[in-house]
């Protein structure tokens, strides 16, 4: 079996073919950056919950010493469709007085 990515054909016998042939950005987990330091998880969940069902509580990442928000968080949806809709609708929008950035979350 073969697939194409950016004009290049890969055979499924090629070790990385599965990764290379996988659809890009197929994720239900979104990274949300540019959050106000006052934005909490309830606000994040309410804003993104309008676009689909959220699996886990929306998570605002906080400094472990001060407890203050680091200005970013994550939201995980039940479906890729809901995540894509939320990304398209929320990226660049204002939340708590700040224009937020929304991207698919990548595991590093």
PDB file of N, CA and C in Angstrom:
ATOM      1  N   UNK A   1       0.846  -1.176   0.000  1.00  0.00           N
ATOM      2  CA  UNK A   1       0.000   0.000   0.000  1.00  0.00           C
ATOM      3  C   UNK A   1       0.891   1.239   0.000  1.00  0.00           C
ATOM      4  N   UNK A   2       0.477   2.277  -0.709  1.00  0.00           N
ATOM      5  CA  UNK A   2       1.263   3.492  -0.795  1.00  0.00           C
ATOM      6  C   UNK A   2       0.412   4.685  -0.397  1.00  0.00           C
ATOM      7  N   UNK A   3       1.089   5.749   0.028  1.00  0.00           N
ATOM      8  CA  UNK A   3       0.400   7.010   0.279  1.00  0.00           C
ATOM      9  C   UNK A   3       1.297   8.135  -0.214  1.00  0.00           C
ATOM     10  N   UNK A   4       0.740   9.318  -0.372  1.00  0.00           N
ATOM     11  CA  UNK A   4       1.516  10.456  -0.854  1.00  0.00           C
ATOM     12  C   UNK A   4       1.446  11.582   0.167  1.00  0.00           C
ATOM     13  N   UNK A   5       2.564  12.259   0.338  1.00  0.00           N
ATOM     14  CA  UNK A   5       2.630  13.410   1.228  1.00  0.00           C
ATOM     15  C   UNK A   5       3.517  14.441   0.560  1.00  0.00           C
ATOM     16  N   UNK A   6       3.003  15.605   0.267  1.00  0.00           N
ATOM     17  CA  UNK A   6       3.758  16.685  -0.374  1.00  0.00           C
ATOM     18  C   UNK A   6       4.407  16.230  -1.687  1.00  0.00           C
ATOM     19  N   UNK A   7       3.661  15.426  -2.463  1.00  0.00           N
ATOM     20  CA  UNK A   7       4.141  14.998  -3.763  1.00  0.00           C
ATOM     21  C   UNK A   7       5.096  13.819  -3.743  1.00  0.00           C
ATOM     22  N   UNK A   8       5.397  13.296  -2.552  1.00  0.00           N
ATOM     23  CA  UNK A   8       6.315  12.161  -2.430  1.00  0.00           C
ATOM     24  C   UNK A   8       5.501  10.925  -2.067  1.00  0.00           C
ATOM     25  N   UNK A   9       5.777   9.807  -2.744  1.00  0.00           N
ATOM     26  CA  UNK A   9       5.056   8.569  -2.461  1.00  0.00           C
ATOM     27  C   UNK A   9       5.863   7.722  -1.484  1.00  0.00           C
ATOM     28  N   UNK A  10       5.150   7.130  -0.514  1.00  0.00           N
ATOM     29  CA  UNK A  10       5.787   6.270   0.481  1.00  0.00           C
ATOM     30  C   UNK A  10       5.116   4.908   0.467  1.00  0.00           C
ATOM     31  N   UNK A  11       5.913   3.885   0.592  1.00  0.00           N
ATOM     32  CA  UNK A  11       5.390   2.532   0.725  1.00  0.00           C
ATOM     33  C   UNK A  11       5.187   2.256   2.207  1.00  0.00           C
ATOM     34  N   UNK A  12       4.133   1.554   2.554  1.00  0.00           N
ATOM     35  CA  UNK A  12       3.869   1.237   3.952  1.00  0.00           C
ATOM     36  C   UNK A  12       4.954   0.348   4.561  1.00  0.00           C
ATOM     37  N   UNK A  13       5.818  -0.230   3.726  1.00  0.00           N
ATOM     38  CA  UNK A  13       6.910  -1.038   4.252  1.00  0.00           C
ATOM     39  C   UNK A  13       8.052  -0.154   4.749  1.00  0.00           C
ATOM     40  N   UNK A  14       8.071   1.095   4.326  1.00  0.00           N
ATOM     41  CA  UNK A  14       9.065   2.053   4.809  1.00  0.00           C
ATOM     42  C   UNK A  14       8.775   2.293   6.294  1.00  0.00           C
ATOM     43  N   UNK A  15       9.778   2.193   7.196  1.00  0.00           N
ATOM     44  CA  UNK A  15       9.518   2.249   8.641  1.00  0.00           C
ATOM     45  C   UNK A  15       8.752   3.475   9.121  1.00  0.00           C
ATOM     46  N   UNK A  16       8.988   4.622   8.521  1.00  0.00           N
ATOM     47  CA  UNK A  16       8.319   5.838   8.975  1.00  0.00           C
ATOM     48  C   UNK A  16       7.045   6.145   8.203  1.00  0.00           C
ATOM     49  N   UNK A  17       6.665   5.254   7.306  1.00  0.00           N
ATOM     50  CA  UNK A  17       5.517   5.528   6.435  1.00  0.00           C
ATOM     51  C   UNK A  17       4.245   5.757   7.230  1.00  0.00           C
ATOM     52  N   UNK A  18       4.047   4.991   8.289  1.00  0.00           N
ATOM     53  CA  UNK A  18       2.829   5.159   9.074  1.00  0.00           C
ATOM     54  C   UNK A  18       2.734   6.574   9.629  1.00  0.00           C
ATOM     55  N   UNK A  19       3.851   7.095  10.140  1.00  0.00           N
ATOM     56  CA  UNK A  19       3.871   8.446  10.673  1.00  0.00           C
ATOM     57  C   UNK A  19       3.732   9.477   9.562  1.00  0.00           C
ATOM     58  N   UNK A  20       4.452   9.272   8.463  1.00  0.00           N
ATOM     59  CA  UNK A  20       4.417  10.221   7.359  1.00  0.00           C
ATOM     60  C   UNK A  20       3.072  10.251   6.652  1.00  0.00           C
ATOM     61  N   UNK A  21       2.376   9.113   6.640  1.00  0.00           N
ATOM     62  CA  UNK A  21       1.103   9.023   5.938  1.00  0.00           C
ATOM     63  C   UNK A  21      -0.084   9.418   6.816  1.00  0.00           C
ATOM     64  N   UNK A  22       0.163   9.573   8.092  1.00  0.00           N
ATOM     65  CA  UNK A  22      -0.928   9.951   8.997  1.00  0.00           C
ATOM     66  C   UNK A  22      -1.373  11.364   8.677  1.00  0.00           C
ATOM     67  N   UNK A  23      -2.670  11.646   8.821  1.00  0.00           N
ATOM     68  CA  UNK A  23      -3.136  13.004   8.558  1.00  0.00           C
ATOM     69  C   UNK A  23      -2.495  13.986   9.532  1.00  0.00           C
ATOM     70  N   UNK A  24      -2.124  15.124   9.028  1.00  0.00           N
ATOM     71  CA  UNK A  24      -1.521  16.140   9.884  1.00  0.00           C
ATOM     72  C   UNK A  24      -2.588  16.772  10.772  1.00  0.00           C
ATOM     73  N   UNK A  25      -2.165  17.145  11.963  1.00  0.00           N
ATOM     74  CA  UNK A  25      -3.020  17.869  12.904  1.00  0.00           C
ATOM     75  C   UNK A  25      -4.293  17.105  13.253  1.00  0.00           C
ATOM     76  N   UNK A  26      -4.222  15.795  13.322  1.00  0.00           N
ATOM     77  CA  UNK A  26      -5.401  15.041  13.740  1.00  0.00           C
ATOM     78  C   UNK A  26      -5.319  14.876  15.248  1.00  0.00           C
ATOM     79  N   UNK A  27      -5.871  15.830  15.946  1.00  0.00           N
ATOM     80  CA  UNK A  27      -5.771  15.840  17.390  1.00  0.00           C
ATOM     81  C   UNK A  27      -7.051  16.378  17.999  1.00  0.00           C
ATOM     82  N   UNK A  28      -7.299  15.952  19.208  1.00  0.00           N
ATOM     83  CA  UNK A  28      -8.431  16.495  19.952  1.00  0.00           C
ATOM     84  C   UNK A  28      -7.946  17.428  21.053  1.00  0.00           C
ATOM     85  N   UNK A  29      -6.630  17.587  21.175  1.00  0.00           N
ATOM     86  CA  UNK A  29      -6.053  18.397  22.233  1.00  0.00           C
ATOM     87  C   UNK A  29      -5.541  19.713  21.657  1.00  0.00           C
ATOM     88  N   UNK A  30      -6.002  20.831  22.231  1.00  0.00           N
ATOM     89  CA  UNK A  30      -5.608  22.152  21.757  1.00  0.00           C
ATOM     90  C   UNK A  30      -4.748  22.871  22.782  1.00  0.00           C
ATOM     91  N   UNK A  31      -3.755  23.583  22.293  1.00  0.00           N
ATOM     92  CA  UNK A  31      -2.938  24.484  23.094  1.00  0.00           C
ATOM     93  C   UNK A  31      -3.565  25.871  22.979  1.00  0.00           C
ATOM     94  N   UNK A  32      -3.710  26.556  24.098  1.00  0.00           N
ATOM     95  CA  UNK A  32      -4.271  27.909  24.101  1.00  0.00           C
ATOM     96  C   UNK A  32      -3.245  28.831  24.757  1.00  0.00           C
ATOM     97  N   UNK A  33      -2.692  29.746  23.977  1.00  0.00           N
ATOM     98  CA  UNK A  33      -1.679  30.669  24.479  1.00  0.00           C
ATOM     99  C   UNK A  33      -2.201  32.097  24.522  1.00  0.00           C
ATOM    100  N   UNK A  34      -1.463  32.933  25.218  1.00  0.00           N
ATOM    101  CA  UNK A  34      -1.826  34.342  25.316  1.00  0.00           C
ATOM    102  C   UNK A  34      -2.931  34.613  26.316  1.00  0.00           C
ATOM    103  N   UNK A  35      -3.131  33.680  27.255  1.00  0.00           N
ATOM    104  CA  UNK A  35      -4.190  33.861  28.247  1.00  0.00           C
ATOM    105  C   UNK A  35      -3.831  34.961  29.238  1.00  0.00           C
ATOM    106  N   UNK A  36      -4.833  35.650  29.698  1.00  0.00           N
ATOM    107  CA  UNK A  36      -4.653  36.599  30.784  1.00  0.00           C
ATOM    108  C   UNK A  36      -4.246  35.817  32.031  1.00  0.00           C
ATOM    109  N   UNK A  37      -3.450  36.439  32.879  1.00  0.00           N
ATOM    110  CA  UNK A  37      -3.056  35.767  34.122  1.00  0.00           C
ATOM    111  C   UNK A  37      -4.255  35.562  35.047  1.00  0.00           C
ATOM    112  N   UNK A  38      -5.361  36.242  34.758  1.00  0.00           N
ATOM    113  CA  UNK A  38      -6.582  36.100  35.555  1.00  0.00           C
ATOM    114  C   UNK A  38      -7.519  35.024  35.027  1.00  0.00           C
ATOM    115  N   UNK A  39      -7.250  34.482  33.851  1.00  0.00           N
ATOM    116  CA  UNK A  39      -8.117  33.457  33.263  1.00  0.00           C
ATOM    117  C   UNK A  39      -7.948  32.154  34.031  1.00  0.00           C
ATOM    118  N   UNK A  40      -9.082  31.618  34.490  1.00  0.00           N
ATOM    119  CA  UNK A  40      -9.020  30.342  35.211  1.00  0.00           C
ATOM    120  C   UNK A  40      -9.616  29.228  34.357  1.00  0.00           C
ATOM    121  N   UNK A  41      -9.598  28.023  34.892  1.00  0.00           N
ATOM    122  CA  UNK A  41     -10.049  26.861  34.129  1.00  0.00           C
ATOM    123  C   UNK A  41     -11.542  26.906  33.812  1.00  0.00           C
ATOM    124  N   UNK A  42     -12.346  27.478  34.697  1.00  0.00           N
ATOM    125  CA  UNK A  42     -13.784  27.573  34.444  1.00  0.00           C
ATOM    126  C   UNK A  42     -14.064  28.485  33.242  1.00  0.00           C
ATOM    127  N   UNK A  43     -13.360  29.608  33.167  1.00  0.00           N
ATOM    128  CA  UNK A  43     -13.528  30.542  32.049  1.00  0.00           C
ATOM    129  C   UNK A  43     -13.100  29.873  30.744  1.00  0.00           C
ATOM    130  N   UNK A  44     -11.969  29.161  30.782  1.00  0.00           N
ATOM    131  CA  UNK A  44     -11.462  28.476  29.596  1.00  0.00           C
ATOM    132  C   UNK A  44     -12.443  27.406  29.128  1.00  0.00           C
ATOM    133  N   UNK A  45     -12.968  26.645  30.067  1.00  0.00           N
ATOM    134  CA  UNK A  45     -13.925  25.587  29.721  1.00  0.00           C
ATOM    135  C   UNK A  45     -15.216  26.177  29.151  1.00  0.00           C
ATOM    136  N   UNK A  46     -15.712  27.245  29.736  1.00  0.00           N
ATOM    137  CA  UNK A  46     -16.936  27.876  29.230  1.00  0.00           C
ATOM    138  C   UNK A  46     -16.742  28.412  27.811  1.00  0.00           C
ATOM    139  N   UNK A  47     -15.602  29.042  27.565  1.00  0.00           N
ATOM    140  CA  UNK A  47     -15.349  29.631  26.244  1.00  0.00           C
ATOM    141  C   UNK A  47     -15.237  28.552  25.171  1.00  0.00           C
ATOM    142  N   UNK A  48     -14.522  27.477  25.467  1.00  0.00           N
ATOM    143  CA  UNK A  48     -14.304  26.438  24.464  1.00  0.00           C
ATOM    144  C   UNK A  48     -15.425  25.411  24.432  1.00  0.00           C
ATOM    145  N   UNK A  49     -16.147  25.261  25.517  1.00  0.00           N
ATOM    146  CA  UNK A  49     -17.244  24.298  25.582  1.00  0.00           C
ATOM    147  C   UNK A  49     -18.389  24.614  24.638  1.00  0.00           C
ATOM    148  N   UNK A  50     -18.448  25.824  24.134  1.00  0.00           N
ATOM    149  CA  UNK A  50     -19.485  26.214  23.172  1.00  0.00           C
ATOM    150  C   UNK A  50     -19.286  25.532  21.824  1.00  0.00           C
ATOM    151  N   UNK A  51     -18.100  24.994  21.601  1.00  0.00           N
ATOM    152  CA  UNK A  51     -17.757  24.422  20.297  1.00  0.00           C
ATOM    153  C   UNK A  51     -17.749  22.898  20.288  1.00  0.00           C
ATOM    154  N   UNK A  52     -18.009  22.289  21.416  1.00  0.00           N
ATOM    155  CA  UNK A  52     -18.047  20.833  21.473  1.00  0.00           C
ATOM    156  C   UNK A  52     -17.822  20.335  22.884  1.00  0.00           C
ATOM    157  N   UNK A  53     -18.021  19.036  23.058  1.00  0.00           N
ATOM    158  CA  UNK A  53     -17.872  18.437  24.382  1.00  0.00           C
ATOM    159  C   UNK A  53     -16.399  18.282  24.744  1.00  0.00           C
ATOM    160  N   UNK A  54     -16.057  18.728  25.940  1.00  0.00           N
ATOM    161  CA  UNK A  54     -14.690  18.652  26.438  1.00  0.00           C
ATOM    162  C   UNK A  54     -14.549  17.392  27.277  1.00  0.00           C
ATOM    163  N   UNK A  55     -13.488  16.605  27.025  1.00  0.00           N
ATOM    164  CA  UNK A  55     -13.277  15.344  27.749  1.00  0.00           C
ATOM    165  C   UNK A  55     -12.861  15.599  29.187  1.00  0.00           C
ATOM    166  N   UNK A  56     -11.777  16.315  29.357  1.00  0.00           N
ATOM    167  CA  UNK A  56     -11.226  16.592  30.674  1.00  0.00           C
ATOM    168  C   UNK A  56     -11.494  18.054  30.989  1.00  0.00           C
ATOM    169  N   UNK A  57     -11.287  18.406  32.236  1.00  0.00           N
ATOM    170  CA  UNK A  57     -11.385  19.815  32.585  1.00  0.00           C
ATOM    171  C   UNK A  57     -10.333  20.577  31.793  1.00  0.00           C
ATOM    172  N   UNK A  58     -10.687  21.743  31.314  1.00  0.00           N
ATOM    173  CA  UNK A  58      -9.703  22.594  30.647  1.00  0.00           C
ATOM    174  C   UNK A  58      -8.623  22.907  31.680  1.00  0.00           C
ATOM    175  N   UNK A  59      -7.386  22.944  31.245  1.00  0.00           N
ATOM    176  CA  UNK A  59      -6.269  23.088  32.172  1.00  0.00           C
ATOM    177  C   UNK A  59      -5.480  24.353  31.890  1.00  0.00           C
ATOM    178  N   UNK A  60      -5.395  25.246  32.878  1.00  0.00           N
ATOM    179  CA  UNK A  60      -4.529  26.414  32.810  1.00  0.00           C
ATOM    180  C   UNK A  60      -3.251  26.042  33.547  1.00  0.00           C
ATOM    181  N   UNK A  61      -2.111  26.218  32.897  1.00  0.00           N
ATOM    182  CA  UNK A  61      -0.836  25.842  33.489  1.00  0.00           C
ATOM    183  C   UNK A  61      -0.351  26.962  34.415  1.00  0.00           C
ATOM    184  N   UNK A  62      -0.017  26.571  35.644  1.00  0.00           N
ATOM    185  CA  UNK A  62       0.402  27.537  36.662  1.00  0.00           C
ATOM    186  C   UNK A  62       1.810  27.233  37.159  1.00  0.00           C
ATOM    187  N   UNK A  63       2.493  28.278  37.608  1.00  0.00           N
ATOM    188  CA  UNK A  63       3.806  28.131  38.220  1.00  0.00           C
ATOM    189  C   UNK A  63       3.654  27.356  39.515  1.00  0.00           C
ATOM    190  N   UNK A  64       4.491  26.346  39.721  1.00  0.00           N
ATOM    191  CA  UNK A  64       4.325  25.492  40.903  1.00  0.00           C
ATOM    192  C   UNK A  64       4.733  26.186  42.197  1.00  0.00           C
ATOM    193  N   UNK A  65       5.519  27.246  42.129  1.00  0.00           N
ATOM    194  CA  UNK A  65       5.931  27.955  43.338  1.00  0.00           C
ATOM    195  C   UNK A  65       4.937  29.056  43.698  1.00  0.00           C
ATOM    196  N   UNK A  66       4.651  29.932  42.725  1.00  0.00           N
ATOM    197  CA  UNK A  66       3.781  31.083  43.010  1.00  0.00           C
ATOM    198  C   UNK A  66       2.300  30.763  42.854  1.00  0.00           C
ATOM    199  N   UNK A  67       1.979  29.728  42.066  1.00  0.00           N
ATOM    200  CA  UNK A  67       0.583  29.399  41.802  1.00  0.00           C
ATOM    201  C   UNK A  67      -0.051  30.295  40.754  1.00  0.00           C
ATOM    202  N   UNK A  68       0.718  31.202  40.178  1.00  0.00           N
ATOM    203  CA  UNK A  68       0.219  32.153  39.183  1.00  0.00           C
ATOM    204  C   UNK A  68       0.213  31.506  37.802  1.00  0.00           C
ATOM    205  N   UNK A  69      -0.793  31.835  37.013  1.00  0.00           N
ATOM    206  CA  UNK A  69      -0.894  31.309  35.650  1.00  0.00           C
ATOM    207  C   UNK A  69       0.335  31.680  34.837  1.00  0.00           C
ATOM    208  N   UNK A  70       0.747  30.745  33.981  1.00  0.00           N
ATOM    209  CA  UNK A  70       1.858  31.014  33.062  1.00  0.00           C
ATOM    210  C   UNK A  70       1.356  31.605  31.744  1.00  0.00           C
ATOM    211  N   UNK A  71       0.045  31.759  31.593  1.00  0.00           N
ATOM    212  CA  UNK A  71      -0.512  32.395  30.406  1.00  0.00           C
ATOM    213  C   UNK A  71      -0.856  31.440  29.284  1.00  0.00           C
ATOM    214  N   UNK A  72      -0.890  30.134  29.570  1.00  0.00           N
ATOM    215  CA  UNK A  72      -1.303  29.182  28.546  1.00  0.00           C
ATOM    216  C   UNK A  72      -1.997  27.992  29.193  1.00  0.00           C
ATOM    217  N   UNK A  73      -2.685  27.236  28.355  1.00  0.00           N
ATOM    218  CA  UNK A  73      -3.407  26.079  28.862  1.00  0.00           C
ATOM    219  C   UNK A  73      -3.742  25.108  27.751  1.00  0.00           C
ATOM    220  N   UNK A  74      -4.519  24.086  28.090  1.00  0.00           N
ATOM    221  CA  UNK A  74      -4.886  23.034  27.153  1.00  0.00           C
ATOM    222  C   UNK A  74      -6.362  22.695  27.301  1.00  0.00           C
ATOM    223  N   UNK A  75      -6.983  22.333  26.190  1.00  0.00           N
ATOM    224  CA  UNK A  75      -8.378  21.898  26.178  1.00  0.00           C
ATOM    225  C   UNK A  75      -8.442  20.640  25.314  1.00  0.00           C
ATOM    226  N   UNK A  76      -9.046  19.559  25.837  1.00  0.00           N
ATOM    227  CA  UNK A  76      -9.171  18.304  25.081  1.00  0.00           C
ATOM    228  C   UNK A  76     -10.646  18.038  24.791  1.00  0.00           C
ATOM    229  N   UNK A  77     -10.952  17.826  23.513  1.00  0.00           N
ATOM    230  CA  UNK A  77     -12.317  17.581  23.067  1.00  0.00           C
ATOM    231  C   UNK A  77     -12.564  16.092  22.841  1.00  0.00           C
ATOM    232  N   UNK A  78     -13.839  15.722  22.768  1.00  0.00           N
ATOM    233  CA  UNK A  78     -14.199  14.329  22.524  1.00  0.00           C
ATOM    234  C   UNK A  78     -14.006  13.936  21.068  1.00  0.00           C
ATOM    235  N   UNK A  79     -13.977  14.916  20.172  1.00  0.00           N
ATOM    236  CA  UNK A  79     -13.835  14.588  18.747  1.00  0.00           C
ATOM    237  C   UNK A  79     -12.899  15.570  18.063  1.00  0.00           C
ATOM    238  N   UNK A  80     -12.296  15.094  16.978  1.00  0.00           N
ATOM    239  CA  UNK A  80     -11.419  15.943  16.178  1.00  0.00           C
ATOM    240  C   UNK A  80     -12.210  17.070  15.522  1.00  0.00           C
ATOM    241  N   UNK A  81     -13.449  16.782  15.159  1.00  0.00           N
ATOM    242  CA  UNK A  81     -14.294  17.798  14.528  1.00  0.00           C
ATOM    243  C   UNK A  81     -14.536  18.968  15.474  1.00  0.00           C
ATOM    244  N   UNK A  82     -14.856  18.661  16.738  1.00  0.00           N
ATOM    245  CA  UNK A  82     -15.084  19.715  17.728  1.00  0.00           C
ATOM    246  C   UNK A  82     -13.810  20.516  17.962  1.00  0.00           C
ATOM    247  N   UNK A  83     -12.665  19.829  18.030  1.00  0.00           N
ATOM    248  CA  UNK A  83     -11.391  20.520  18.234  1.00  0.00           C
ATOM    249  C   UNK A  83     -11.076  21.445  17.064  1.00  0.00           C
ATOM    250  N   UNK A  84     -11.302  20.975  15.854  1.00  0.00           N
ATOM    251  CA  UNK A  84     -11.043  21.790  14.664  1.00  0.00           C
ATOM    252  C   UNK A  84     -11.954  23.008  14.632  1.00  0.00           C
ATOM    253  N   UNK A  85     -13.221  22.811  14.959  1.00  0.00           N
ATOM    254  CA  UNK A  85     -14.169  23.929  15.005  1.00  0.00           C
ATOM    255  C   UNK A  85     -13.737  24.951  16.045  1.00  0.00           C
ATOM    256  N   UNK A  86     -13.369  24.489  17.230  1.00  0.00           N
ATOM    257  CA  UNK A  86     -12.932  25.395  18.293  1.00  0.00           C
ATOM    258  C   UNK A  86     -11.676  26.148  17.881  1.00  0.00           C
ATOM    259  N   UNK A  87     -10.731  25.458  17.264  1.00  0.00           N
ATOM    260  CA  UNK A  87      -9.504  26.111  16.816  1.00  0.00           C
ATOM    261  C   UNK A  87      -9.837  27.221  15.820  1.00  0.00           C
ATOM    262  N   UNK A  88     -10.648  26.913  14.835  1.00  0.00           N
ATOM    263  CA  UNK A  88     -10.996  27.896  13.804  1.00  0.00           C
ATOM    264  C   UNK A  88     -11.782  29.071  14.363  1.00  0.00           C
ATOM    265  N   UNK A  89     -12.662  28.817  15.319  1.00  0.00           N
ATOM    266  CA  UNK A  89     -13.505  29.876  15.866  1.00  0.00           C
ATOM    267  C   UNK A  89     -12.807  30.714  16.942  1.00  0.00           C
ATOM    268  N   UNK A  90     -11.911  30.107  17.713  1.00  0.00           N
ATOM    269  CA  UNK A  90     -11.333  30.794  18.870  1.00  0.00           C
ATOM    270  C   UNK A  90      -9.970  31.430  18.615  1.00  0.00           C
ATOM    271  N   UNK A  91      -9.217  30.968  17.627  1.00  0.00           N
ATOM    272  CA  UNK A  91      -7.889  31.525  17.379  1.00  0.00           C
ATOM    273  C   UNK A  91      -7.999  33.009  17.036  1.00  0.00           C
ATOM    274  N   UNK A  92      -7.303  33.833  17.797  1.00  0.00           N
ATOM    275  CA  UNK A  92      -7.304  35.279  17.570  1.00  0.00           C
ATOM    276  C   UNK A  92      -8.426  36.029  18.270  1.00  0.00           C
ATOM    277  N   UNK A  93      -9.328  35.302  18.935  1.00  0.00           N
ATOM    278  CA  UNK A  93     -10.448  35.942  19.632  1.00  0.00           C
ATOM    279  C   UNK A  93     -10.002  36.505  20.980  1.00  0.00           C
ATOM    280  N   UNK A  94     -10.795  37.416  21.509  1.00  0.00           N
ATOM    281  CA  UNK A  94     -10.510  38.013  22.806  1.00  0.00           C
ATOM    282  C   UNK A  94     -11.128  37.170  23.917  1.00  0.00           C
ATOM    283  N   UNK A  95     -10.324  36.882  24.934  1.00  0.00           N
ATOM    284  CA  UNK A  95     -10.793  36.163  26.124  1.00  0.00           C
ATOM    285  C   UNK A  95     -10.180  36.850  27.329  1.00  0.00           C
ATOM    286  N   UNK A  96     -11.010  37.360  28.202  1.00  0.00           N
ATOM    287  CA  UNK A  96     -10.553  38.113  29.380  1.00  0.00           C
ATOM    288  C   UNK A  96      -9.636  39.272  28.995  1.00  0.00           C
ATOM    289  N   UNK A  97      -9.967  39.933  27.875  1.00  0.00           N
ATOM    290  CA  UNK A  97      -9.226  41.117  27.460  1.00  0.00           C
ATOM    291  C   UNK A  97      -7.933  40.851  26.705  1.00  0.00           C
ATOM    292  N   UNK A  98      -7.653  39.596  26.385  1.00  0.00           N
ATOM    293  CA  UNK A  98      -6.429  39.241  25.640  1.00  0.00           C
ATOM    294  C   UNK A  98      -6.795  38.460  24.393  1.00  0.00           C
ATOM    295  N   UNK A  99      -6.102  38.714  23.293  1.00  0.00           N
ATOM    296  CA  UNK A  99      -6.287  37.927  22.071  1.00  0.00           C
ATOM    297  C   UNK A  99      -5.505  36.631  22.229  1.00  0.00           C
ATOM    298  N   UNK A 100      -6.222  35.522  22.183  1.00  0.00           N
ATOM    299  CA  UNK A 100      -5.591  34.223  22.419  1.00  0.00           C
ATOM    300  C   UNK A 100      -5.140  33.587  21.113  1.00  0.00           C
ATOM    301  N   UNK A 101      -4.170  32.691  21.229  1.00  0.00           N
ATOM    302  CA  UNK A 101      -3.678  31.893  20.104  1.00  0.00           C
ATOM    303  C   UNK A 101      -4.062  30.447  20.375  1.00  0.00           C
ATOM    304  N   UNK A 102      -4.584  29.775  19.381  1.00  0.00           N
ATOM    305  CA  UNK A 102      -4.991  28.388  19.544  1.00  0.00           C
ATOM    306  C   UNK A 102      -4.317  27.551  18.459  1.00  0.00           C
ATOM    307  N   UNK A 103      -3.691  26.464  18.881  1.00  0.00           N
ATOM    308  CA  UNK A 103      -3.000  25.542  17.980  1.00  0.00           C
ATOM    309  C   UNK A 103      -3.284  24.116  18.440  1.00  0.00           C
ATOM    310  N   UNK A 104      -3.038  23.160  17.563  1.00  0.00           N
ATOM    311  CA  UNK A 104      -3.086  21.778  17.997  1.00  0.00           C
ATOM    312  C   UNK A 104      -1.903  21.551  18.937  1.00  0.00           C
ATOM    313  N   UNK A 105      -2.135  20.848  20.028  1.00  0.00           N
ATOM    314  CA  UNK A 105      -1.075  20.536  20.982  1.00  0.00           C
ATOM    315  C   UNK A 105      -0.247  19.382  20.432  1.00  0.00           C
ATOM    316  N   UNK A 106       1.042  19.491  20.592  1.00  0.00           N
ATOM    317  CA  UNK A 106       1.956  18.441  20.144  1.00  0.00           C
ATOM    318  C   UNK A 106       2.684  17.889  21.345  1.00  0.00           C
ATOM    319  N   UNK A 107       2.848  16.603  21.368  1.00  0.00           N
ATOM    320  CA  UNK A 107       3.628  15.999  22.450  1.00  0.00           C
ATOM    321  C   UNK A 107       5.091  16.147  22.109  1.00  0.00           C
ATOM    322  N   UNK A 108       5.856  16.630  23.085  1.00  0.00           N
ATOM    323  CA  UNK A 108       7.252  16.885  22.816  1.00  0.00           C
ATOM    324  C   UNK A 108       8.145  15.895  23.307  1.00  0.00           C
TER     325      UNK A 108
END
